[in-house]
Amino acid sequence: GGMTVKRRNHGRNRHGRNHTRLVNCDGCGCKPPKDKAIKRFTVRNIVDKSSLSDLQEACIIDKYELPKMYNKVQYCVSCAVHRKTVRPRSATDRKVRYQGRPAARDKYSRDD
């Protein structure tokens, strides 16, 4: 047979294209290709939960919806692994493909 392949997409998402533009890694500033970068879209409240109640009491407008903070982060593989955005997975687990956002429990639980 041919050479062994670690990932079915060779670690990128570039099928049929010869080149994809480079993006800036938000961790270290290196430039991974856009299709290889690990991208996450984070939506957070501008205020943390502890100060939220204080703010709501002080607020004059009732039912005031606080704005959210939207941030798209793009990491190179090294930074994504370092921040635990992605984890190294065993050969069989690498075959598992997630659709959409993985459940929060999968993100942190490690069943060894």
PDB file of N, CA and C in Angstrom:
ATOM      1  N   GLY A   1       0.828  -1.217   0.000  1.00  0.00           N
ATOM      2  CA  GLY A   1       0.000   0.000   0.000  1.00  0.00           C
ATOM      3  C   GLY A   1       0.853   1.252   0.000  1.00  0.00           C
ATOM      4  N   GLY A   2       0.153   2.378   0.007  1.00  0.00           N
ATOM      5  CA  GLY A   2       0.836   3.677   0.006  1.00  0.00           C
ATOM      6  C   GLY A   2       1.287   4.054   1.401  1.00  0.00           C
ATOM      7  N   MET A   3       1.640   5.318   1.527  1.00  0.00           N
ATOM      8  CA  MET A   3       2.064   5.798   2.835  1.00  0.00           C
ATOM      9  C   MET A   3       0.885   5.868   3.790  1.00  0.00           C
ATOM     10  N   THR A   4       1.176   5.690   5.073  1.00  0.00           N
ATOM     11  CA  THR A   4       0.100   5.809   6.051  1.00  0.00           C
ATOM     12  C   THR A   4      -0.282   7.274   6.184  1.00  0.00           C
ATOM     13  N   VAL A   5      -1.563   7.511   6.418  1.00  0.00           N
ATOM     14  CA  VAL A   5      -2.078   8.872   6.498  1.00  0.00           C
ATOM     15  C   VAL A   5      -2.666   9.072   7.876  1.00  0.00           C
ATOM     16  N   LYS A   6      -2.284  10.172   8.529  1.00  0.00           N
ATOM     17  CA  LYS A   6      -2.755  10.395   9.884  1.00  0.00           C
ATOM     18  C   LYS A   6      -4.178  10.933   9.896  1.00  0.00           C
ATOM     19  N   ARG A   7      -4.493  11.844   8.957  1.00  0.00           N
ATOM     20  CA  ARG A   7      -5.837  12.432   8.899  1.00  0.00           C
ATOM     21  C   ARG A   7      -6.384  12.357   7.497  1.00  0.00           C
ATOM     22  N   ARG A   8      -7.701  12.145   7.399  1.00  0.00           N
ATOM     23  CA  ARG A   8      -8.280  11.960   6.072  1.00  0.00           C
ATOM     24  C   ARG A   8      -8.217  13.243   5.257  1.00  0.00           C
ATOM     25  N   ASN A   9      -8.156  14.409   5.940  1.00  0.00           N
ATOM     26  CA  ASN A   9      -8.069  15.671   5.200  1.00  0.00           C
ATOM     27  C   ASN A   9      -6.664  16.270   5.279  1.00  0.00           C
ATOM     28  N   HIS A  10      -5.697  15.482   5.747  1.00  0.00           N
ATOM     29  CA  HIS A  10      -4.308  15.951   5.889  1.00  0.00           C
ATOM     30  C   HIS A  10      -4.220  17.208   6.737  1.00  0.00           C
ATOM     31  N   GLY A  11      -5.133  17.382   7.661  1.00  0.00           N
ATOM     32  CA  GLY A  11      -5.080  18.508   8.594  1.00  0.00           C
ATOM     33  C   GLY A  11      -5.525  19.818   7.994  1.00  0.00           C
ATOM     34  N   ARG A  12      -6.170  19.795   6.827  1.00  0.00           N
ATOM     35  CA  ARG A  12      -6.670  21.034   6.253  1.00  0.00           C
ATOM     36  C   ARG A  12      -8.020  20.803   5.606  1.00  0.00           C
ATOM     37  N   ASN A  13      -8.590  21.893   5.087  1.00  0.00           N
ATOM     38  CA  ASN A  13      -9.938  21.803   4.534  1.00  0.00           C
ATOM     39  C   ASN A  13      -9.920  22.465   3.165  1.00  0.00           C
ATOM     40  N   ARG A  14      -8.968  22.057   2.342  1.00  0.00           N
ATOM     41  CA  ARG A  14      -8.650  22.831   1.146  1.00  0.00           C
ATOM     42  C   ARG A  14      -9.060  22.106  -0.127  1.00  0.00           C
ATOM     43  N   HIS A  15      -9.929  21.125  -0.026  1.00  0.00           N
ATOM     44  CA  HIS A  15     -10.166  20.184  -1.125  1.00  0.00           C
ATOM     45  C   HIS A  15     -10.366  20.869  -2.467  1.00  0.00           C
ATOM     46  N   GLY A  16      -9.535  20.501  -3.448  1.00  0.00           N
ATOM     47  CA  GLY A  16      -9.680  21.009  -4.801  1.00  0.00           C
ATOM     48  C   GLY A  16      -9.100  22.394  -5.027  1.00  0.00           C
ATOM     49  N   ARG A  17      -8.666  23.054  -3.975  1.00  0.00           N
ATOM     50  CA  ARG A  17      -8.051  24.384  -4.148  1.00  0.00           C
ATOM     51  C   ARG A  17      -6.545  24.222  -4.058  1.00  0.00           C
ATOM     52  N   ASN A  18      -5.824  25.052  -4.775  1.00  0.00           N
ATOM     53  CA  ASN A  18      -4.365  24.958  -4.721  1.00  0.00           C
ATOM     54  C   ASN A  18      -3.784  25.762  -3.582  1.00  0.00           C
ATOM     55  N   HIS A  19      -4.462  26.836  -3.205  1.00  0.00           N
ATOM     56  CA  HIS A  19      -3.889  27.732  -2.211  1.00  0.00           C
ATOM     57  C   HIS A  19      -5.010  28.420  -1.462  1.00  0.00           C
ATOM     58  N   THR A  20      -4.820  28.608  -0.157  1.00  0.00           N
ATOM     59  CA  THR A  20      -5.764  29.414   0.614  1.00  0.00           C
ATOM     60  C   THR A  20      -4.974  30.512   1.291  1.00  0.00           C
ATOM     61  N   ARG A  21      -5.634  31.629   1.564  1.00  0.00           N
ATOM     62  CA  ARG A  21      -4.899  32.765   2.121  1.00  0.00           C
ATOM     63  C   ARG A  21      -4.487  32.481   3.557  1.00  0.00           C
ATOM     64  N   LEU A  22      -3.471  33.184   4.004  1.00  0.00           N
ATOM     65  CA  LEU A  22      -2.969  32.996   5.356  1.00  0.00           C
ATOM     66  C   LEU A  22      -3.728  33.914   6.307  1.00  0.00           C
ATOM     67  N   VAL A  23      -3.993  33.427   7.513  1.00  0.00           N
ATOM     68  CA  VAL A  23      -4.627  34.260   8.527  1.00  0.00           C
ATOM     69  C   VAL A  23      -3.655  34.409   9.690  1.00  0.00           C
ATOM     70  N   ASN A  24      -3.906  35.396  10.542  1.00  0.00           N
ATOM     71  CA  ASN A  24      -3.048  35.598  11.701  1.00  0.00           C
ATOM     72  C   ASN A  24      -3.521  34.751  12.869  1.00  0.00           C
ATOM     73  N   CYS A  25      -2.615  34.036  13.488  1.00  0.00           N
ATOM     74  CA  CYS A  25      -2.958  33.289  14.689  1.00  0.00           C
ATOM     75  C   CYS A  25      -3.110  34.276  15.840  1.00  0.00           C
ATOM     76  N   ASP A  26      -4.233  34.184  16.573  1.00  0.00           N
ATOM     77  CA  ASP A  26      -4.473  35.110  17.678  1.00  0.00           C
ATOM     78  C   ASP A  26      -3.629  34.769  18.892  1.00  0.00           C
ATOM     79  N   GLY A  27      -2.948  33.618  18.861  1.00  0.00           N
ATOM     80  CA  GLY A  27      -2.112  33.248  19.993  1.00  0.00           C
ATOM     81  C   GLY A  27      -0.697  33.759  19.845  1.00  0.00           C
ATOM     82  N   CYS A  28      -0.052  33.402  18.729  1.00  0.00           N
ATOM     83  CA  CYS A  28       1.371  33.705  18.613  1.00  0.00           C
ATOM     84  C   CYS A  28       1.686  34.591  17.426  1.00  0.00           C
ATOM     85  N   GLY A  29       0.686  34.916  16.609  1.00  0.00           N
ATOM     86  CA  GLY A  29       0.939  35.812  15.487  1.00  0.00           C
ATOM     87  C   GLY A  29       1.536  35.149  14.264  1.00  0.00           C
ATOM     88  N   CYS A  30       1.692  33.818  14.288  1.00  0.00           N
ATOM     89  CA  CYS A  30       2.171  33.157  13.074  1.00  0.00           C
ATOM     90  C   CYS A  30       1.032  33.120  12.065  1.00  0.00           C
ATOM     91  N   LYS A  31       1.320  32.676  10.848  1.00  0.00           N
ATOM     92  CA  LYS A  31       0.305  32.751   9.800  1.00  0.00           C
ATOM     93  C   LYS A  31      -0.055  31.379   9.260  1.00  0.00           C
ATOM     94  N   PRO A  32      -1.004  30.691   9.903  1.00  0.00           N
ATOM     95  CA  PRO A  32      -1.447  29.416   9.342  1.00  0.00           C
ATOM     96  C   PRO A  32      -2.393  29.661   8.171  1.00  0.00           C
ATOM     97  N   PRO A  33      -2.490  28.725   7.229  1.00  0.00           N
ATOM     98  CA  PRO A  33      -3.474  28.865   6.157  1.00  0.00           C
ATOM     99  C   PRO A  33      -4.877  28.886   6.747  1.00  0.00           C
ATOM    100  N   LYS A  34      -5.775  29.611   6.096  1.00  0.00           N
ATOM    101  CA  LYS A  34      -7.126  29.791   6.638  1.00  0.00           C
ATOM    102  C   LYS A  34      -7.842  28.462   6.851  1.00  0.00           C
ATOM    103  N   ASP A  35      -7.604  27.498   5.973  1.00  0.00           N
ATOM    104  CA  ASP A  35      -8.316  26.239   6.094  1.00  0.00           C
ATOM    105  C   ASP A  35      -7.722  25.339   7.171  1.00  0.00           C
ATOM    106  N   LYS A  36      -6.503  25.639   7.588  1.00  0.00           N
ATOM    107  CA  LYS A  36      -5.865  24.814   8.607  1.00  0.00           C
ATOM    108  C   LYS A  36      -6.059  25.393  10.001  1.00  0.00           C
ATOM    109  N   ALA A  37      -6.253  26.706  10.075  1.00  0.00           N
ATOM    110  CA  ALA A  37      -6.418  27.368  11.365  1.00  0.00           C
ATOM    111  C   ALA A  37      -7.633  26.821  12.096  1.00  0.00           C
ATOM    112  N   ILE A  38      -7.528  26.743  13.425  1.00  0.00           N
ATOM    113  CA  ILE A  38      -8.657  26.292  14.236  1.00  0.00           C
ATOM    114  C   ILE A  38      -9.452  27.520  14.636  1.00  0.00           C
ATOM    115  N   LYS A  39     -10.709  27.574  14.181  1.00  0.00           N
ATOM    116  CA  LYS A  39     -11.508  28.790  14.333  1.00  0.00           C
ATOM    117  C   LYS A  39     -12.627  28.543  15.335  1.00  0.00           C
ATOM    118  N   ARG A  40     -12.800  29.482  16.262  1.00  0.00           N
ATOM    119  CA  ARG A  40     -13.892  29.388  17.226  1.00  0.00           C
ATOM    120  C   ARG A  40     -14.567  30.745  17.314  1.00  0.00           C
ATOM    121  N   PHE A  41     -15.874  30.736  17.425  1.00  0.00           N
ATOM    122  CA  PHE A  41     -16.626  31.985  17.546  1.00  0.00           C
ATOM    123  C   PHE A  41     -17.131  32.063  18.971  1.00  0.00           C
ATOM    124  N   THR A  42     -16.604  33.025  19.755  1.00  0.00           N
ATOM    125  CA  THR A  42     -17.002  33.112  21.154  1.00  0.00           C
ATOM    126  C   THR A  42     -17.994  34.242  21.352  1.00  0.00           C
ATOM    127  N   VAL A  43     -19.049  33.962  22.115  1.00  0.00           N
ATOM    128  CA  VAL A  43     -20.041  34.969  22.464  1.00  0.00           C
ATOM    129  C   VAL A  43     -20.081  35.031  23.977  1.00  0.00           C
ATOM    130  N   ARG A  44     -19.679  36.160  24.560  1.00  0.00           N
ATOM    131  CA  ARG A  44     -19.671  36.302  26.008  1.00  0.00           C
ATOM    132  C   ARG A  44     -20.396  37.576  26.400  1.00  0.00           C
ATOM    133  N   ASN A  45     -20.895  37.590  27.629  1.00  0.00           N
ATOM    134  CA  ASN A  45     -21.435  38.833  28.157  1.00  0.00           C
ATOM    135  C   ASN A  45     -20.279  39.777  28.435  1.00  0.00           C
ATOM    136  N   ILE A  46     -20.536  41.084  28.232  1.00  0.00           N
ATOM    137  CA  ILE A  46     -19.477  42.054  28.499  1.00  0.00           C
ATOM    138  C   ILE A  46     -19.152  42.069  29.998  1.00  0.00           C
ATOM    139  N   VAL A  47     -20.185  41.866  30.818  1.00  0.00           N
ATOM    140  CA  VAL A  47     -20.001  41.859  32.273  1.00  0.00           C
ATOM    141  C   VAL A  47     -20.020  40.417  32.755  1.00  0.00           C
ATOM    142  N   ASP A  48     -19.169  40.105  33.731  1.00  0.00           N
ATOM    143  CA  ASP A  48     -19.183  38.746  34.261  1.00  0.00           C
ATOM    144  C   ASP A  48     -20.383  38.548  35.183  1.00  0.00           C
ATOM    145  N   LYS A  49     -20.682  37.283  35.479  1.00  0.00           N
ATOM    146  CA  LYS A  49     -21.906  36.956  36.206  1.00  0.00           C
ATOM    147  C   LYS A  49     -21.976  37.616  37.581  1.00  0.00           C
ATOM    148  N   SER A  50     -20.819  37.774  38.240  1.00  0.00           N
ATOM    149  CA  SER A  50     -20.822  38.309  39.596  1.00  0.00           C
ATOM    150  C   SER A  50     -21.290  39.761  39.635  1.00  0.00           C
ATOM    151  N   SER A  51     -20.891  40.566  38.645  1.00  0.00           N
ATOM    152  CA  SER A  51     -21.271  41.990  38.643  1.00  0.00           C
ATOM    153  C   SER A  51     -22.599  42.234  37.951  1.00  0.00           C
ATOM    154  N   LEU A  52     -23.175  41.171  37.366  1.00  0.00           N
ATOM    155  CA  LEU A  52     -24.381  41.349  36.567  1.00  0.00           C
ATOM    156  C   LEU A  52     -25.549  41.853  37.412  1.00  0.00           C
ATOM    157  N   SER A  53     -25.725  41.259  38.607  1.00  0.00           N
ATOM    158  CA  SER A  53     -26.868  41.642  39.446  1.00  0.00           C
ATOM    159  C   SER A  53     -26.735  43.087  39.916  1.00  0.00           C
ATOM    160  N   ASP A  54     -25.508  43.506  40.266  1.00  0.00           N
ATOM    161  CA  ASP A  54     -25.279  44.897  40.696  1.00  0.00           C
ATOM    162  C   ASP A  54     -25.663  45.859  39.594  1.00  0.00           C
ATOM    163  N   LEU A  55     -25.274  45.518  38.384  1.00  0.00           N
ATOM    164  CA  LEU A  55     -25.561  46.394  37.250  1.00  0.00           C
ATOM    165  C   LEU A  55     -27.052  46.494  36.988  1.00  0.00           C
ATOM    166  N   GLN A  56     -27.740  45.352  37.091  1.00  0.00           N
ATOM    167  CA  GLN A  56     -29.164  45.362  36.803  1.00  0.00           C
ATOM    168  C   GLN A  56     -29.939  46.188  37.826  1.00  0.00           C
ATOM    169  N   GLU A  57     -29.492  46.153  39.090  1.00  0.00           N
ATOM    170  CA  GLU A  57     -30.148  46.976  40.116  1.00  0.00           C
ATOM    171  C   GLU A  57     -29.906  48.452  39.861  1.00  0.00           C
ATOM    172  N   ALA A  58     -28.687  48.791  39.429  1.00  0.00           N
ATOM    173  CA  ALA A  58     -28.332  50.189  39.215  1.00  0.00           C
ATOM    174  C   ALA A  58     -28.940  50.745  37.931  1.00  0.00           C
ATOM    175  N   CYS A  59     -29.391  49.846  37.038  1.00  0.00           N
ATOM    176  CA  CYS A  59     -29.851  50.274  35.722  1.00  0.00           C
ATOM    177  C   CYS A  59     -31.222  50.951  35.810  1.00  0.00           C
ATOM    178  N   ILE A  60     -31.384  52.062  35.109  1.00  0.00           N
ATOM    179  CA  ILE A  60     -32.644  52.812  35.123  1.00  0.00           C
ATOM    180  C   ILE A  60     -33.663  52.134  34.207  1.00  0.00           C
ATOM    181  N   ILE A  61     -33.232  51.747  33.014  1.00  0.00           N
ATOM    182  CA  ILE A  61     -34.127  51.108  32.054  1.00  0.00           C
ATOM    183  C   ILE A  61     -34.402  49.686  32.524  1.00  0.00           C
ATOM    184  N   ASP A  62     -35.680  49.368  32.766  1.00  0.00           N
ATOM    185  CA  ASP A  62     -35.954  47.987  33.170  1.00  0.00           C
ATOM    186  C   ASP A  62     -35.981  47.089  31.935  1.00  0.00           C
ATOM    187  N   LYS A  63     -35.646  45.839  32.165  1.00  0.00           N
ATOM    188  CA  LYS A  63     -35.503  44.837  31.093  1.00  0.00           C
ATOM    189  C   LYS A  63     -34.444  45.251  30.065  1.00  0.00           C
ATOM    190  N   TYR A  64     -33.398  45.953  30.520  1.00  0.00           N
ATOM    191  CA  TYR A  64     -32.325  46.360  29.601  1.00  0.00           C
ATOM    192  C   TYR A  64     -31.461  45.161  29.279  1.00  0.00           C
ATOM    193  N   GLU A  65     -31.347  44.857  28.001  1.00  0.00           N
ATOM    194  CA  GLU A  65     -30.533  43.726  27.565  1.00  0.00           C
ATOM    195  C   GLU A  65     -29.092  44.194  27.391  1.00  0.00           C
ATOM    196  N   LEU A  66     -28.183  43.605  28.159  1.00  0.00           N
ATOM    197  CA  LEU A  66     -26.776  43.991  28.057  1.00  0.00           C
ATOM    198  C   LEU A  66     -26.205  43.525  26.724  1.00  0.00           C
ATOM    199  N   PRO A  67     -25.376  44.318  26.080  1.00  0.00           N
ATOM    200  CA  PRO A  67     -24.761  43.861  24.835  1.00  0.00           C
ATOM    201  C   PRO A  67     -23.784  42.719  25.100  1.00  0.00           C
ATOM    202  N   LYS A  68     -23.604  41.902  24.101  1.00  0.00           N
ATOM    203  CA  LYS A  68     -22.682  40.780  24.233  1.00  0.00           C
ATOM    204  C   LYS A  68     -21.391  41.090  23.491  1.00  0.00           C
ATOM    205  N   MET A  69     -20.368  40.319  23.814  1.00  0.00           N
ATOM    206  CA  MET A  69     -19.081  40.486  23.165  1.00  0.00           C
ATOM    207  C   MET A  69     -18.901  39.331  22.187  1.00  0.00           C
ATOM    208  N   TYR A  70     -18.806  39.656  20.913  1.00  0.00           N
ATOM    209  CA  TYR A  70     -18.647  38.628  19.889  1.00  0.00           C
ATOM    210  C   TYR A  70     -17.201  38.650  19.424  1.00  0.00           C
ATOM    211  N   ASN A  71     -16.574  37.490  19.387  1.00  0.00           N
ATOM    212  CA  ASN A  71     -15.168  37.453  19.026  1.00  0.00           C
ATOM    213  C   ASN A  71     -14.869  36.177  18.260  1.00  0.00           C
ATOM    214  N   LYS A  72     -14.324  36.313  17.074  1.00  0.00           N
ATOM    215  CA  LYS A  72     -13.894  35.137  16.335  1.00  0.00           C
ATOM    216  C   LYS A  72     -12.396  34.979  16.530  1.00  0.00           C
ATOM    217  N   VAL A  73     -11.989  33.855  17.082  1.00  0.00           N
ATOM    218  CA  VAL A  73     -10.564  33.607  17.286  1.00  0.00           C
ATOM    219  C   VAL A  73     -10.090  32.554  16.304  1.00  0.00           C
ATOM    220  N   GLN A  74      -8.881  32.744  15.812  1.00  0.00           N
ATOM    221  CA  GLN A  74      -8.260  31.793  14.906  1.00  0.00           C
ATOM    222  C   GLN A  74      -6.889  31.447  15.464  1.00  0.00           C
ATOM    223  N   TYR A  75      -6.669  30.162  15.697  1.00  0.00           N
ATOM    224  CA  TYR A  75      -5.394  29.732  16.257  1.00  0.00           C
ATOM    225  C   TYR A  75      -4.679  28.799  15.301  1.00  0.00           C
ATOM    226  N   CYS A  76      -3.340  28.817  15.367  1.00  0.00           N
ATOM    227  CA  CYS A  76      -2.586  27.769  14.697  1.00  0.00           C
ATOM    228  C   CYS A  76      -2.744  26.500  15.536  1.00  0.00           C
ATOM    229  N   VAL A  77      -2.327  25.366  15.009  1.00  0.00           N
ATOM    230  CA  VAL A  77      -2.539  24.103  15.710  1.00  0.00           C
ATOM    231  C   VAL A  77      -1.854  24.113  17.069  1.00  0.00           C
ATOM    232  N   SER A  78      -0.621  24.648  17.127  1.00  0.00           N
ATOM    233  CA  SER A  78       0.123  24.634  18.388  1.00  0.00           C
ATOM    234  C   SER A  78      -0.608  25.414  19.467  1.00  0.00           C
ATOM    235  N   CYS A  79      -1.103  26.608  19.120  1.00  0.00           N
ATOM    236  CA  CYS A  79      -1.787  27.434  20.108  1.00  0.00           C
ATOM    237  C   CYS A  79      -3.117  26.822  20.518  1.00  0.00           C
ATOM    238  N   ALA A  80      -3.826  26.216  19.566  1.00  0.00           N
ATOM    239  CA  ALA A  80      -5.112  25.594  19.886  1.00  0.00           C
ATOM    240  C   ALA A  80      -4.920  24.435  20.855  1.00  0.00           C
ATOM    241  N   VAL A  81      -3.853  23.673  20.653  1.00  0.00           N
ATOM    242  CA  VAL A  81      -3.568  22.566  21.569  1.00  0.00           C
ATOM    243  C   VAL A  81      -3.155  23.110  22.925  1.00  0.00           C
ATOM    244  N   HIS A  82      -2.348  24.163  22.918  1.00  0.00           N
ATOM    245  CA  HIS A  82      -1.874  24.757  24.165  1.00  0.00           C
ATOM    246  C   HIS A  82      -3.030  25.319  24.990  1.00  0.00           C
ATOM    247  N   ARG A  83      -4.015  25.926  24.341  1.00  0.00           N
ATOM    248  CA  ARG A  83      -5.170  26.493  25.059  1.00  0.00           C
ATOM    249  C   ARG A  83      -6.240  25.455  25.334  1.00  0.00           C
ATOM    250  N   LYS A  84      -5.991  24.221  24.917  1.00  0.00           N
ATOM    251  CA  LYS A  84      -6.953  23.128  25.073  1.00  0.00           C
ATOM    252  C   LYS A  84      -8.242  23.384  24.303  1.00  0.00           C
ATOM    253  N   THR A  85      -8.158  24.170  23.221  1.00  0.00           N
ATOM    254  CA  THR A  85      -9.309  24.315  22.327  1.00  0.00           C
ATOM    255  C   THR A  85      -9.530  22.995  21.615  1.00  0.00           C
ATOM    256  N   VAL A  86      -8.451  22.377  21.190  1.00  0.00           N
ATOM    257  CA  VAL A  86      -8.499  21.026  20.650  1.00  0.00           C
ATOM    258  C   VAL A  86      -7.545  20.172  21.456  1.00  0.00           C
ATOM    259  N   ARG A  87      -7.773  18.859  21.460  1.00  0.00           N
ATOM    260  CA  ARG A  87      -6.943  17.951  22.220  1.00  0.00           C
ATOM    261  C   ARG A  87      -6.367  16.901  21.289  1.00  0.00           C
ATOM    262  N   PRO A  88      -5.198  16.379  21.624  1.00  0.00           N
ATOM    263  CA  PRO A  88      -4.712  15.234  20.849  1.00  0.00           C
ATOM    264  C   PRO A  88      -5.659  14.062  21.064  1.00  0.00           C
ATOM    265  N   ARG A  89      -6.000  13.351  19.992  1.00  0.00           N
ATOM    266  CA  ARG A  89      -6.920  12.218  20.131  1.00  0.00           C
ATOM    267  C   ARG A  89      -6.274  10.957  19.593  1.00  0.00           C
ATOM    268  N   SER A  90      -6.707   9.832  20.122  1.00  0.00           N
ATOM    269  CA  SER A  90      -6.158   8.552  19.686  1.00  0.00           C
ATOM    270  C   SER A  90      -6.559   8.297  18.235  1.00  0.00           C
ATOM    271  N   ALA A  91      -5.885   7.354  17.611  1.00  0.00           N
ATOM    272  CA  ALA A  91      -6.102   7.093  16.188  1.00  0.00           C
ATOM    273  C   ALA A  91      -7.566   6.816  15.877  1.00  0.00           C
ATOM    274  N   THR A  92      -8.239   6.082  16.757  1.00  0.00           N
ATOM    275  CA  THR A  92      -9.657   5.784  16.503  1.00  0.00           C
ATOM    276  C   THR A  92     -10.520   7.021  16.734  1.00  0.00           C
ATOM    277  N   ASP A  93     -10.191   7.803  17.756  1.00  0.00           N
ATOM    278  CA  ASP A  93     -10.983   9.008  18.061  1.00  0.00           C
ATOM    279  C   ASP A  93     -10.817  10.088  17.005  1.00  0.00           C
ATOM    280  N   ARG A  94      -9.679  10.074  16.299  1.00  0.00           N
ATOM    281  CA  ARG A  94      -9.470  11.086  15.262  1.00  0.00           C
ATOM    282  C   ARG A  94     -10.477  10.933  14.129  1.00  0.00           C
ATOM    283  N   LYS A  95     -11.013   9.723  13.980  1.00  0.00           N
ATOM    284  CA  LYS A  95     -11.987   9.475  12.917  1.00  0.00           C
ATOM    285  C   LYS A  95     -13.334  10.146  13.217  1.00  0.00           C
ATOM    286  N   VAL A  96     -13.595  10.428  14.495  1.00  0.00           N
ATOM    287  CA  VAL A  96     -14.883  11.000  14.880  1.00  0.00           C
ATOM    288  C   VAL A  96     -14.941  12.447  14.436  1.00  0.00           C
ATOM    289  N   ARG A  97     -15.997  12.794  13.674  1.00  0.00           N
ATOM    290  CA  ARG A  97     -16.135  14.164  13.193  1.00  0.00           C
ATOM    291  C   ARG A  97     -17.339  14.791  13.856  1.00  0.00           C
ATOM    292  N   TYR A  98     -17.153  16.012  14.354  1.00  0.00           N
ATOM    293  CA  TYR A  98     -18.245  16.697  15.037  1.00  0.00           C
ATOM    294  C   TYR A  98     -18.960  17.612  14.081  1.00  0.00           C
ATOM    295  N   GLN A  99     -20.292  17.652  14.199  1.00  0.00           N
ATOM    296  CA  GLN A  99     -21.078  18.602  13.427  1.00  0.00           C
ATOM    297  C   GLN A  99     -21.458  19.739  14.364  1.00  0.00           C
ATOM    298  N   GLY A 100     -21.191  20.970  13.960  1.00  0.00           N
ATOM    299  CA  GLY A 100     -21.564  22.102  14.808  1.00  0.00           C
ATOM    300  C   GLY A 100     -20.709  22.164  16.053  1.00  0.00           C
ATOM    301  N   ARG A 101     -21.315  22.604  17.151  1.00  0.00           N
ATOM    302  CA  ARG A 101     -20.580  22.833  18.385  1.00  0.00           C
ATOM    303  C   ARG A 101     -20.646  21.599  19.261  1.00  0.00           C
ATOM    304  N   PRO A 102     -19.502  21.069  19.684  1.00  0.00           N
ATOM    305  CA  PRO A 102     -19.546  19.911  20.580  1.00  0.00           C
ATOM    306  C   PRO A 102     -20.120  20.315  21.935  1.00  0.00           C
ATOM    307  N   ALA A 103     -20.787  19.392  22.608  1.00  0.00           N
ATOM    308  CA  ALA A 103     -21.380  19.691  23.908  1.00  0.00           C
ATOM    309  C   ALA A 103     -20.295  20.101  24.890  1.00  0.00           C
ATOM    310  N   ALA A 104     -20.668  20.952  25.836  1.00  0.00           N
ATOM    311  CA  ALA A 104     -19.679  21.504  26.775  1.00  0.00           C
ATOM    312  C   ALA A 104     -19.006  20.404  27.580  1.00  0.00           C
ATOM    313  N   ARG A 105     -19.738  19.318  27.873  1.00  0.00           N
ATOM    314  CA  ARG A 105     -19.153  18.264  28.699  1.00  0.00           C
ATOM    315  C   ARG A 105     -18.014  17.565  27.965  1.00  0.00           C
ATOM    316  N   ASP A 106     -18.139  17.402  26.627  1.00  0.00           N
ATOM    317  CA  ASP A 106     -17.082  16.734  25.874  1.00  0.00           C
ATOM    318  C   ASP A 106     -15.789  17.518  25.918  1.00  0.00           C
ATOM    319  N   LYS A 107     -15.944  18.844  26.060  1.00  0.00           N
ATOM    320  CA  LYS A 107     -14.795  19.721  25.949  1.00  0.00           C
ATOM    321  C   LYS A 107     -13.808  19.489  27.093  1.00  0.00           C
ATOM    322  N   TYR A 108     -14.328  19.251  28.285  1.00  0.00           N
ATOM    323  CA  TYR A 108     -13.445  19.208  29.439  1.00  0.00           C
ATOM    324  C   TYR A 108     -13.268  17.812  30.021  1.00  0.00           C
ATOM    325  N   SER A 109     -14.224  16.919  29.808  1.00  0.00           N
ATOM    326  CA  SER A 109     -14.123  15.603  30.439  1.00  0.00           C
ATOM    327  C   SER A 109     -13.075  14.774  29.732  1.00  0.00           C
ATOM    328  N   ARG A 110     -12.283  14.080  30.511  1.00  0.00           N
ATOM    329  CA  ARG A 110     -11.348  13.129  29.924  1.00  0.00           C
ATOM    330  C   ARG A 110     -11.569  11.802  30.618  1.00  0.00           C
ATOM    331  N   ASP A 111     -12.058  10.819  29.888  1.00  0.00           N
ATOM    332  CA  ASP A 111     -12.256   9.518  30.492  1.00  0.00           C
ATOM    333  C   ASP A 111     -11.112   8.595  30.075  1.00  0.00           C
ATOM    334  N   ASP A 112     -10.148   8.456  30.981  1.00  0.00           N
ATOM    335  CA  ASP A 112      -8.988   7.605  30.679  1.00  0.00           C
ATOM    336  C   ASP A 112      -9.258   6.167  31.125  1.00  0.00           C
TER     337      ASP A 112
END
